[in-house]
Structure formats: structure tokens, C-alpha cells
Amino acid sequence: MAVPKKKHSKSRRDRRRSQWKAKTPNLGECSNCQELKLPHRVCPSCGHYDGRQAKAVK
């Protein structure tokens, strides 16, 4: 198993971890109601997907 010869500094460790963060989801508009929704998913507000009613919404 590989073992580091010297200790990495905190700045080096933090520079590596700076890229590890959550991204905001890519939201698109629903073609039916113009609400924001995740792509390739049924719209949670109106139940439409790909121009048709996919799910009944209360």
C-alpha cells in the first residue's frame, strides 16, 4: 500500500477539496405551464411530460 513520504500541508489539502462541491440542478421550463422542472421528468405542478398528460395531479 502506498504511504506518503511527507505530510501534505493544509493549503494543499484544501486546494484539492475546493473542487468537491454540490452543483445547482439544471432546471428547464415546462412546455405546458412554464414552471421550472428537472429535465426528462414529469412536471410536478401539472403532470405533463413530452407534450402529453403523464400523471394526474390533485
PDB file of N, CA and C in Angstrom:
ATOM      1  N   MET A   1       0.841  -1.181   0.000  1.00  0.00           N
ATOM      2  CA  MET A   1       0.000   0.000   0.000  1.00  0.00           C
ATOM      3  C   MET A   1       0.884   1.242   0.000  1.00  0.00           C
ATOM      4  N   ALA A   2       0.541   2.232  -0.793  1.00  0.00           N
ATOM      5  CA  ALA A   2       1.342   3.441  -0.898  1.00  0.00           C
ATOM      6  C   ALA A   2       1.165   4.312   0.338  1.00  0.00           C
ATOM      7  N   VAL A   3       2.267   4.802   0.846  1.00  0.00           N
ATOM      8  CA  VAL A   3       2.263   5.673   2.024  1.00  0.00           C
ATOM      9  C   VAL A   3       2.996   6.958   1.653  1.00  0.00           C
ATOM     10  N   PRO A   4       2.412   8.123   1.938  1.00  0.00           N
ATOM     11  CA  PRO A   4       3.096   9.371   1.594  1.00  0.00           C
ATOM     12  C   PRO A   4       4.386   9.556   2.392  1.00  0.00           C
ATOM     13  N   LYS A   5       5.415  10.062   1.723  1.00  0.00           N
ATOM     14  CA  LYS A   5       6.705  10.259   2.378  1.00  0.00           C
ATOM     15  C   LYS A   5       6.673  11.477   3.296  1.00  0.00           C
ATOM     16  N   LYS A   6       5.962  12.519   2.882  1.00  0.00           N
ATOM     17  CA  LYS A   6       5.849  13.746   3.681  1.00  0.00           C
ATOM     18  C   LYS A   6       4.379  14.111   3.848  1.00  0.00           C
ATOM     19  N   LYS A   7       4.105  14.861   4.918  1.00  0.00           N
ATOM     20  CA  LYS A   7       2.741  15.311   5.183  1.00  0.00           C
ATOM     21  C   LYS A   7       2.368  16.429   4.214  1.00  0.00           C
ATOM     22  N   HIS A   8       1.156  16.327   3.636  1.00  0.00           N
ATOM     23  CA  HIS A   8       0.667  17.397   2.770  1.00  0.00           C
ATOM     24  C   HIS A   8       0.192  18.544   3.635  1.00  0.00           C
ATOM     25  N   SER A   9       0.487  19.753   3.226  1.00  0.00           N
ATOM     26  CA  SER A   9       0.070  20.921   4.005  1.00  0.00           C
ATOM     27  C   SER A   9      -1.442  21.101   3.925  1.00  0.00           C
ATOM     28  N   LYS A  10      -1.993  21.893   4.854  1.00  0.00           N
ATOM     29  CA  LYS A  10      -3.431  22.149   4.869  1.00  0.00           C
ATOM     30  C   LYS A  10      -3.862  22.880   3.609  1.00  0.00           C
ATOM     31  N   SER A  11      -3.031  23.765   3.109  1.00  0.00           N
ATOM     32  CA  SER A  11      -3.400  24.512   1.896  1.00  0.00           C
ATOM     33  C   SER A  11      -3.463  23.587   0.688  1.00  0.00           C
ATOM     34  N   ARG A  12      -2.556  22.627   0.617  1.00  0.00           N
ATOM     35  CA  ARG A  12      -2.583  21.660  -0.483  1.00  0.00           C
ATOM     36  C   ARG A  12      -3.805  20.769  -0.404  1.00  0.00           C
ATOM     37  N   ARG A  13      -4.118  20.327   0.803  1.00  0.00           N
ATOM     38  CA  ARG A  13      -5.317  19.504   1.017  1.00  0.00           C
ATOM     39  C   ARG A  13      -6.576  20.283   0.646  1.00  0.00           C
ATOM     40  N   ASP A  14      -6.662  21.522   1.080  1.00  0.00           N
ATOM     41  CA  ASP A  14      -7.846  22.333   0.818  1.00  0.00           C
ATOM     42  C   ASP A  14      -7.972  22.705  -0.652  1.00  0.00           C
ATOM     43  N   ARG A  15      -6.852  22.891  -1.336  1.00  0.00           N
ATOM     44  CA  ARG A  15      -6.899  23.165  -2.776  1.00  0.00           C
ATOM     45  C   ARG A  15      -7.494  21.988  -3.528  1.00  0.00           C
ATOM     46  N   ARG A  16      -7.157  20.774  -3.116  1.00  0.00           N
ATOM     47  CA  ARG A  16      -7.717  19.579  -3.749  1.00  0.00           C
ATOM     48  C   ARG A  16      -9.214  19.484  -3.477  1.00  0.00           C
ATOM     49  N   ARG A  17      -9.628  19.795  -2.253  1.00  0.00           N
ATOM     50  CA  ARG A  17     -11.029  19.679  -1.877  1.00  0.00           C
ATOM     51  C   ARG A  17     -11.887  20.832  -2.378  1.00  0.00           C
ATOM     52  N   SER A  18     -11.300  21.870  -2.906  1.00  0.00           N
ATOM     53  CA  SER A  18     -12.078  23.025  -3.358  1.00  0.00           C
ATOM     54  C   SER A  18     -12.967  22.681  -4.550  1.00  0.00           C
ATOM     55  N   GLN A  19     -12.630  21.634  -5.293  1.00  0.00           N
ATOM     56  CA  GLN A  19     -13.411  21.243  -6.462  1.00  0.00           C
ATOM     57  C   GLN A  19     -14.597  20.373  -6.089  1.00  0.00           C
ATOM     58  N   TRP A  20     -14.632  19.887  -4.842  1.00  0.00           N
ATOM     59  CA  TRP A  20     -15.667  18.962  -4.408  1.00  0.00           C
ATOM     60  C   TRP A  20     -16.805  19.744  -3.784  1.00  0.00           C
ATOM     61  N   LYS A  21     -17.795  20.080  -4.586  1.00  0.00           N
ATOM     62  CA  LYS A  21     -18.924  20.854  -4.079  1.00  0.00           C
ATOM     63  C   LYS A  21     -20.176  20.485  -4.851  1.00  0.00           C
ATOM     64  N   ALA A  22     -21.309  20.784  -4.255  1.00  0.00           N
ATOM     65  CA  ALA A  22     -22.585  20.481  -4.897  1.00  0.00           C
ATOM     66  C   ALA A  22     -22.869  21.501  -5.985  1.00  0.00           C
ATOM     67  N   LYS A  23     -23.446  21.048  -7.079  1.00  0.00           N
ATOM     68  CA  LYS A  23     -23.834  21.941  -8.177  1.00  0.00           C
ATOM     69  C   LYS A  23     -25.335  22.179  -8.121  1.00  0.00           C
ATOM     70  N   THR A  24     -25.754  23.316  -8.620  1.00  0.00           N
ATOM     71  CA  THR A  24     -27.182  23.587  -8.703  1.00  0.00           C
ATOM     72  C   THR A  24     -27.764  22.764  -9.848  1.00  0.00           C
ATOM     73  N   PRO A  25     -28.962  22.223  -9.700  1.00  0.00           N
ATOM     74  CA  PRO A  25     -29.535  21.407 -10.762  1.00  0.00           C
ATOM     75  C   PRO A  25     -29.905  22.254 -11.978  1.00  0.00           C
ATOM     76  N   ASN A  26     -29.781  21.664 -13.156  1.00  0.00           N
ATOM     77  CA  ASN A  26     -30.169  22.342 -14.390  1.00  0.00           C
ATOM     78  C   ASN A  26     -31.675  22.262 -14.521  1.00  0.00           C
ATOM     79  N   LEU A  27     -32.335  23.378 -14.362  1.00  0.00           N
ATOM     80  CA  LEU A  27     -33.788  23.413 -14.441  1.00  0.00           C
ATOM     81  C   LEU A  27     -34.219  23.916 -15.806  1.00  0.00           C
ATOM     82  N   GLY A  28     -35.320  23.370 -16.310  1.00  0.00           N
ATOM     83  CA  GLY A  28     -35.903  23.811 -17.566  1.00  0.00           C
ATOM     84  C   GLY A  28     -37.357  24.158 -17.369  1.00  0.00           C
ATOM     85  N   GLU A  29     -37.922  24.817 -18.348  1.00  0.00           N
ATOM     86  CA  GLU A  29     -39.326  25.218 -18.270  1.00  0.00           C
ATOM     87  C   GLU A  29     -40.228  24.101 -18.754  1.00  0.00           C
ATOM     88  N   CYS A  30     -41.342  23.934 -18.093  1.00  0.00           N
ATOM     89  CA  CYS A  30     -42.365  23.003 -18.554  1.00  0.00           C
ATOM     90  C   CYS A  30     -43.029  23.626 -19.781  1.00  0.00           C
ATOM     91  N   SER A  31     -43.241  22.831 -20.822  1.00  0.00           N
ATOM     92  CA  SER A  31     -43.845  23.358 -22.049  1.00  0.00           C
ATOM     93  C   SER A  31     -45.331  23.660 -21.882  1.00  0.00           C
ATOM     94  N   ASN A  32     -45.948  23.090 -20.852  1.00  0.00           N
ATOM     95  CA  ASN A  32     -47.372  23.284 -20.632  1.00  0.00           C
ATOM     96  C   ASN A  32     -47.663  24.462 -19.699  1.00  0.00           C
ATOM     97  N   CYS A  33     -47.026  24.486 -18.524  1.00  0.00           N
ATOM     98  CA  CYS A  33     -47.366  25.506 -17.521  1.00  0.00           C
ATOM     99  C   CYS A  33     -46.234  26.510 -17.270  1.00  0.00           C
ATOM    100  N   GLN A  34     -45.091  26.349 -17.903  1.00  0.00           N
ATOM    101  CA  GLN A  34     -43.939  27.241 -17.783  1.00  0.00           C
ATOM    102  C   GLN A  34     -43.339  27.293 -16.378  1.00  0.00           C
ATOM    103  N   GLU A  35     -43.597  26.280 -15.550  1.00  0.00           N
ATOM    104  CA  GLU A  35     -42.965  26.174 -14.231  1.00  0.00           C
ATOM    105  C   GLU A  35     -41.589  25.528 -14.420  1.00  0.00           C
ATOM    106  N   LEU A  36     -40.665  25.775 -13.489  1.00  0.00           N
ATOM    107  CA  LEU A  36     -39.353  25.152 -13.553  1.00  0.00           C
ATOM    108  C   LEU A  36     -39.446  23.701 -13.108  1.00  0.00           C
ATOM    109  N   LYS A  37     -38.745  22.823 -13.852  1.00  0.00           N
ATOM    110  CA  LYS A  37     -38.731  21.400 -13.528  1.00  0.00           C
ATOM    111  C   LYS A  37     -37.395  20.812 -13.953  1.00  0.00           C
ATOM    112  N   LEU A  38     -37.079  19.640 -13.420  1.00  0.00           N
ATOM    113  CA  LEU A  38     -35.870  18.939 -13.825  1.00  0.00           C
ATOM    114  C   LEU A  38     -36.069  18.352 -15.222  1.00  0.00           C
ATOM    115  N   PRO A  39     -35.017  18.325 -16.042  1.00  0.00           N
ATOM    116  CA  PRO A  39     -35.171  17.780 -17.395  1.00  0.00           C
ATOM    117  C   PRO A  39     -35.441  16.271 -17.381  1.00  0.00           C
ATOM    118  N   HIS A  40     -36.189  15.799 -18.357  1.00  0.00           N
ATOM    119  CA  HIS A  40     -36.528  14.379 -18.550  1.00  0.00           C
ATOM    120  C   HIS A  40     -37.337  13.823 -17.396  1.00  0.00           C
ATOM    121  N   ARG A  41     -38.159  14.667 -16.782  1.00  0.00           N
ATOM    122  CA  ARG A  41     -39.025  14.230 -15.697  1.00  0.00           C
ATOM    123  C   ARG A  41     -40.407  14.847 -15.861  1.00  0.00           C
ATOM    124  N   VAL A  42     -41.393  14.201 -15.284  1.00  0.00           N
ATOM    125  CA  VAL A  42     -42.761  14.710 -15.320  1.00  0.00           C
ATOM    126  C   VAL A  42     -42.811  15.995 -14.503  1.00  0.00           C
ATOM    127  N   CYS A  43     -43.544  16.986 -14.987  1.00  0.00           N
ATOM    128  CA  CYS A  43     -43.684  18.256 -14.276  1.00  0.00           C
ATOM    129  C   CYS A  43     -44.459  18.017 -12.980  1.00  0.00           C
ATOM    130  N   PRO A  44     -43.922  18.411 -11.826  1.00  0.00           N
ATOM    131  CA  PRO A  44     -44.631  18.159 -10.566  1.00  0.00           C
ATOM    132  C   PRO A  44     -45.870  19.030 -10.377  1.00  0.00           C
ATOM    133  N   SER A  45     -45.953  20.156 -11.083  1.00  0.00           N
ATOM    134  CA  SER A  45     -47.097  21.043 -10.870  1.00  0.00           C
ATOM    135  C   SER A  45     -48.287  20.706 -11.770  1.00  0.00           C
ATOM    136  N   CYS A  46     -48.046  20.269 -13.007  1.00  0.00           N
ATOM    137  CA  CYS A  46     -49.180  19.993 -13.902  1.00  0.00           C
ATOM    138  C   CYS A  46     -49.254  18.536 -14.369  1.00  0.00           C
ATOM    139  N   GLY A  47     -48.174  17.752 -14.228  1.00  0.00           N
ATOM    140  CA  GLY A  47     -48.202  16.338 -14.591  1.00  0.00           C
ATOM    141  C   GLY A  47     -47.959  16.059 -16.060  1.00  0.00           C
ATOM    142  N   HIS A  48     -47.520  17.049 -16.836  1.00  0.00           N
ATOM    143  CA  HIS A  48     -47.255  16.838 -18.253  1.00  0.00           C
ATOM    144  C   HIS A  48     -45.818  16.395 -18.482  1.00  0.00           C
ATOM    145  N   TYR A  49     -45.634  15.589 -19.534  1.00  0.00           N
ATOM    146  CA  TYR A  49     -44.301  15.197 -19.982  1.00  0.00           C
ATOM    147  C   TYR A  49     -44.350  14.969 -21.482  1.00  0.00           C
ATOM    148  N   ASP A  50     -43.447  15.584 -22.197  1.00  0.00           N
ATOM    149  CA  ASP A  50     -43.315  15.411 -23.653  1.00  0.00           C
ATOM    150  C   ASP A  50     -44.619  15.737 -24.378  1.00  0.00           C
ATOM    151  N   GLY A  51     -45.305  16.797 -23.923  1.00  0.00           N
ATOM    152  CA  GLY A  51     -46.495  17.268 -24.605  1.00  0.00           C
ATOM    153  C   GLY A  51     -47.764  16.484 -24.323  1.00  0.00           C
ATOM    154  N   ARG A  52     -47.739  15.597 -23.342  1.00  0.00           N
ATOM    155  CA  ARG A  52     -48.945  14.830 -23.025  1.00  0.00           C
ATOM    156  C   ARG A  52     -49.112  14.728 -21.515  1.00  0.00           C
ATOM    157  N   GLN A  53     -50.336  14.426 -21.083  1.00  0.00           N
ATOM    158  CA  GLN A  53     -50.621  14.258 -19.665  1.00  0.00           C
ATOM    159  C   GLN A  53     -50.087  12.902 -19.230  1.00  0.00           C
ATOM    160  N   ALA A  54     -49.094  12.898 -18.341  1.00  0.00           N
ATOM    161  CA  ALA A  54     -48.470  11.643 -17.916  1.00  0.00           C
ATOM    162  C   ALA A  54     -48.922  11.205 -16.537  1.00  0.00           C
ATOM    163  N   LYS A  55     -49.389  12.171 -15.741  1.00  0.00           N
ATOM    164  CA  LYS A  55     -49.743  11.857 -14.362  1.00  0.00           C
ATOM    165  C   LYS A  55     -50.875  12.764 -13.930  1.00  0.00           C
ATOM    166  N   ALA A  56     -51.826  12.209 -13.212  1.00  0.00           N
ATOM    167  CA  ALA A  56     -52.929  13.021 -12.692  1.00  0.00           C
ATOM    168  C   ALA A  56     -52.449  13.791 -11.466  1.00  0.00           C
ATOM    169  N   VAL A  57     -52.726  15.084 -11.429  1.00  0.00           N
ATOM    170  CA  VAL A  57     -52.305  15.938 -10.323  1.00  0.00           C
ATOM    171  C   VAL A  57     -53.541  16.423  -9.596  1.00  0.00           C
ATOM    172  N   LYS A  58     -53.485  16.392  -8.275  1.00  0.00           N
ATOM    173  CA  LYS A  58     -54.643  16.831  -7.467  1.00  0.00           C
ATOM    174  C   LYS A  58     -54.798  18.333  -7.509  1.00  0.00           C
TER     175      LYS A  58
END
